[in-house]
Amino acid sequence: MNIHPFEKAGLGKAPFFYKGHSEKAISCPDGTVKPAGTCAYCGTAIRYQMHIASSDKNNFVVGCDCVQKLNIDFFFLRIIEINTI
């Protein structure tokens, strides 16, 4: 039996559901923008947070690369990318 990568990481029980997305960033004095969020799966700094809920009601955020582990098709992810730019 295959265990979902998020379940293996202790983020809750599968299945997992995409709940929406948000941007979390810090504007620096030099004019640059830095990510202010952290991916719950891999620990990478993220600017665009994908909100995920597990079937046992655990809510967390992951980056766009890690959300692909949900097996959401590429077309849907592209819509998310376009709407966050």
C-alpha atoms as a PDB file:
ATOM      1  CA  MET A   1       0.000   0.000   0.000  1.00  0.00           C
ATOM      2  CA  ASN A   2       1.329   3.449  -0.955  1.00  0.00           C
ATOM      3  CA  ILE A   3       1.335   6.127   1.719  1.00  0.00           C
ATOM      4  CA  HIS A   4       0.967   9.732   0.589  1.00  0.00           C
ATOM      5  CA  PRO A   5       4.186  11.768   1.054  1.00  0.00           C
ATOM      6  CA  PHE A   6       2.355  14.291   3.270  1.00  0.00           C
ATOM      7  CA  GLU A   7       1.078  11.483   5.488  1.00  0.00           C
ATOM      8  CA  LYS A   8       4.608  10.033   5.765  1.00  0.00           C
ATOM      9  CA  ALA A   9       5.794  13.499   6.857  1.00  0.00           C
ATOM     10  CA  GLY A  10       3.245  13.553   9.691  1.00  0.00           C
ATOM     11  CA  LEU A  11       1.042  16.262   8.190  1.00  0.00           C
ATOM     12  CA  GLY A  12      -2.192  14.316   8.651  1.00  0.00           C
ATOM     13  CA  LYS A  13      -4.152  11.473   7.104  1.00  0.00           C
ATOM     14  CA  ALA A  14      -4.859  11.133   3.385  1.00  0.00           C
ATOM     15  CA  PRO A  15      -6.750  12.149   1.376  1.00  0.00           C
ATOM     16  CA  PHE A  16      -5.554  15.767   1.288  1.00  0.00           C
ATOM     17  CA  PHE A  17      -7.536  18.683  -0.104  1.00  0.00           C
ATOM     18  CA  TYR A  18      -6.470  21.968  -1.691  1.00  0.00           C
ATOM     19  CA  LYS A  19      -8.271  24.784   0.172  1.00  0.00           C
ATOM     20  CA  GLY A  20      -6.887  27.878  -1.576  1.00  0.00           C
ATOM     21  CA  HIS A  21      -3.745  29.958  -1.708  1.00  0.00           C
ATOM     22  CA  SER A  22      -2.270  33.182  -0.383  1.00  0.00           C
ATOM     23  CA  GLU A  23       0.852  35.289  -0.653  1.00  0.00           C
ATOM     24  CA  LYS A  24       3.129  35.869   2.336  1.00  0.00           C
ATOM     25  CA  ALA A  25       6.096  38.146   1.667  1.00  0.00           C
ATOM     26  CA  ILE A  26       8.269  40.785   3.282  1.00  0.00           C
ATOM     27  CA  SER A  27       9.194  44.012   1.473  1.00  0.00           C
ATOM     28  CA  CYS A  28      12.805  44.878   2.195  1.00  0.00           C
ATOM     29  CA  PRO A  29      14.190  48.447   2.380  1.00  0.00           C
ATOM     30  CA  ASP A  30      16.204  47.859  -0.818  1.00  0.00           C
ATOM     31  CA  GLY A  31      12.980  47.244  -2.765  1.00  0.00           C
ATOM     32  CA  THR A  32      13.262  43.467  -3.000  1.00  0.00           C
ATOM     33  CA  VAL A  33      10.539  41.120  -1.813  1.00  0.00           C
ATOM     34  CA  LYS A  34      11.416  37.994   0.151  1.00  0.00           C
ATOM     35  CA  PRO A  35       9.271  34.954   0.958  1.00  0.00           C
ATOM     36  CA  ALA A  36       7.889  35.023   4.506  1.00  0.00           C
ATOM     37  CA  GLY A  37       6.233  31.606   4.703  1.00  0.00           C
ATOM     38  CA  THR A  38       7.623  28.118   5.229  1.00  0.00           C
ATOM     39  CA  CYS A  39       6.574  24.915   3.486  1.00  0.00           C
ATOM     40  CA  ALA A  40       5.313  22.426   6.092  1.00  0.00           C
ATOM     41  CA  TYR A  41       6.526  19.517   3.941  1.00  0.00           C
ATOM     42  CA  CYS A  42      10.094  20.457   2.961  1.00  0.00           C
ATOM     43  CA  GLY A  43      10.908  23.524   5.073  1.00  0.00           C
ATOM     44  CA  THR A  44      11.700  25.779   2.105  1.00  0.00           C
ATOM     45  CA  ALA A  45      10.920  29.500   2.327  1.00  0.00           C
ATOM     46  CA  ILE A  46       7.806  30.181   0.235  1.00  0.00           C
ATOM     47  CA  ARG A  47       6.048  33.312  -0.975  1.00  0.00           C
ATOM     48  CA  TYR A  48       2.956  31.642  -2.414  1.00  0.00           C
ATOM     49  CA  GLN A  49       1.307  29.381   0.154  1.00  0.00           C
ATOM     50  CA  MET A  50      -1.014  26.592  -0.940  1.00  0.00           C
ATOM     51  CA  HIS A  51      -3.442  25.820   1.891  1.00  0.00           C
ATOM     52  CA  ILE A  52      -4.021  22.100   2.403  1.00  0.00           C
ATOM     53  CA  ALA A  53      -6.322  20.175   4.756  1.00  0.00           C
ATOM     54  CA  SER A  54      -6.002  16.520   5.645  1.00  0.00           C
ATOM     55  CA  SER A  55      -8.980  14.229   6.127  1.00  0.00           C
ATOM     56  CA  ASP A  56      -8.348  14.372   9.896  1.00  0.00           C
ATOM     57  CA  LYS A  57      -8.694  18.200   9.822  1.00  0.00           C
ATOM     58  CA  ASN A  58      -5.018  19.154  10.002  1.00  0.00           C
ATOM     59  CA  ASN A  59      -4.459  22.434   8.113  1.00  0.00           C
ATOM     60  CA  PHE A  60      -1.039  23.433   6.773  1.00  0.00           C
ATOM     61  CA  VAL A  61       0.637  25.291   3.918  1.00  0.00           C
ATOM     62  CA  VAL A  62       3.059  24.044   1.285  1.00  0.00           C
ATOM     63  CA  GLY A  63       4.783  25.617  -1.709  1.00  0.00           C
ATOM     64  CA  CYS A  64       3.685  25.193  -5.315  1.00  0.00           C
ATOM     65  CA  ASP A  65       6.296  22.481  -5.970  1.00  0.00           C
ATOM     66  CA  CYS A  66       5.180  20.372  -3.018  1.00  0.00           C
ATOM     67  CA  VAL A  67       1.467  20.840  -3.740  1.00  0.00           C
ATOM     68  CA  GLN A  68       2.045  18.902  -6.962  1.00  0.00           C
ATOM     69  CA  LYS A  69       2.359  15.821  -4.740  1.00  0.00           C
ATOM     70  CA  LEU A  70      -1.440  16.074  -4.376  1.00  0.00           C
ATOM     71  CA  ASN A  71      -1.736  14.884  -7.989  1.00  0.00           C
ATOM     72  CA  ILE A  72      -3.626  18.013  -9.047  1.00  0.00           C
ATOM     73  CA  ASP A  73      -3.343  18.229 -12.799  1.00  0.00           C
ATOM     74  CA  PHE A  74      -0.908  20.694 -14.369  1.00  0.00           C
ATOM     75  CA  PHE A  75      -3.654  22.827 -15.959  1.00  0.00           C
ATOM     76  CA  PHE A  76      -5.159  23.559 -12.534  1.00  0.00           C
ATOM     77  CA  LEU A  77      -1.738  24.480 -11.105  1.00  0.00           C
ATOM     78  CA  ARG A  78      -1.158  26.822 -14.038  1.00  0.00           C
ATOM     79  CA  ILE A  79      -4.412  28.642 -13.186  1.00  0.00           C
ATOM     80  CA  ILE A  80      -3.121  29.098  -9.630  1.00  0.00           C
ATOM     81  CA  GLU A  81       0.189  30.492 -10.925  1.00  0.00           C
ATOM     82  CA  ILE A  82      -1.525  32.953 -13.274  1.00  0.00           C
ATOM     83  CA  ASN A  83      -3.824  34.225 -10.520  1.00  0.00           C
ATOM     84  CA  THR A  84      -0.941  34.837  -8.080  1.00  0.00           C
ATOM     85  CA  ILE A  85       1.207  36.926 -10.421  1.00  0.00           C
END
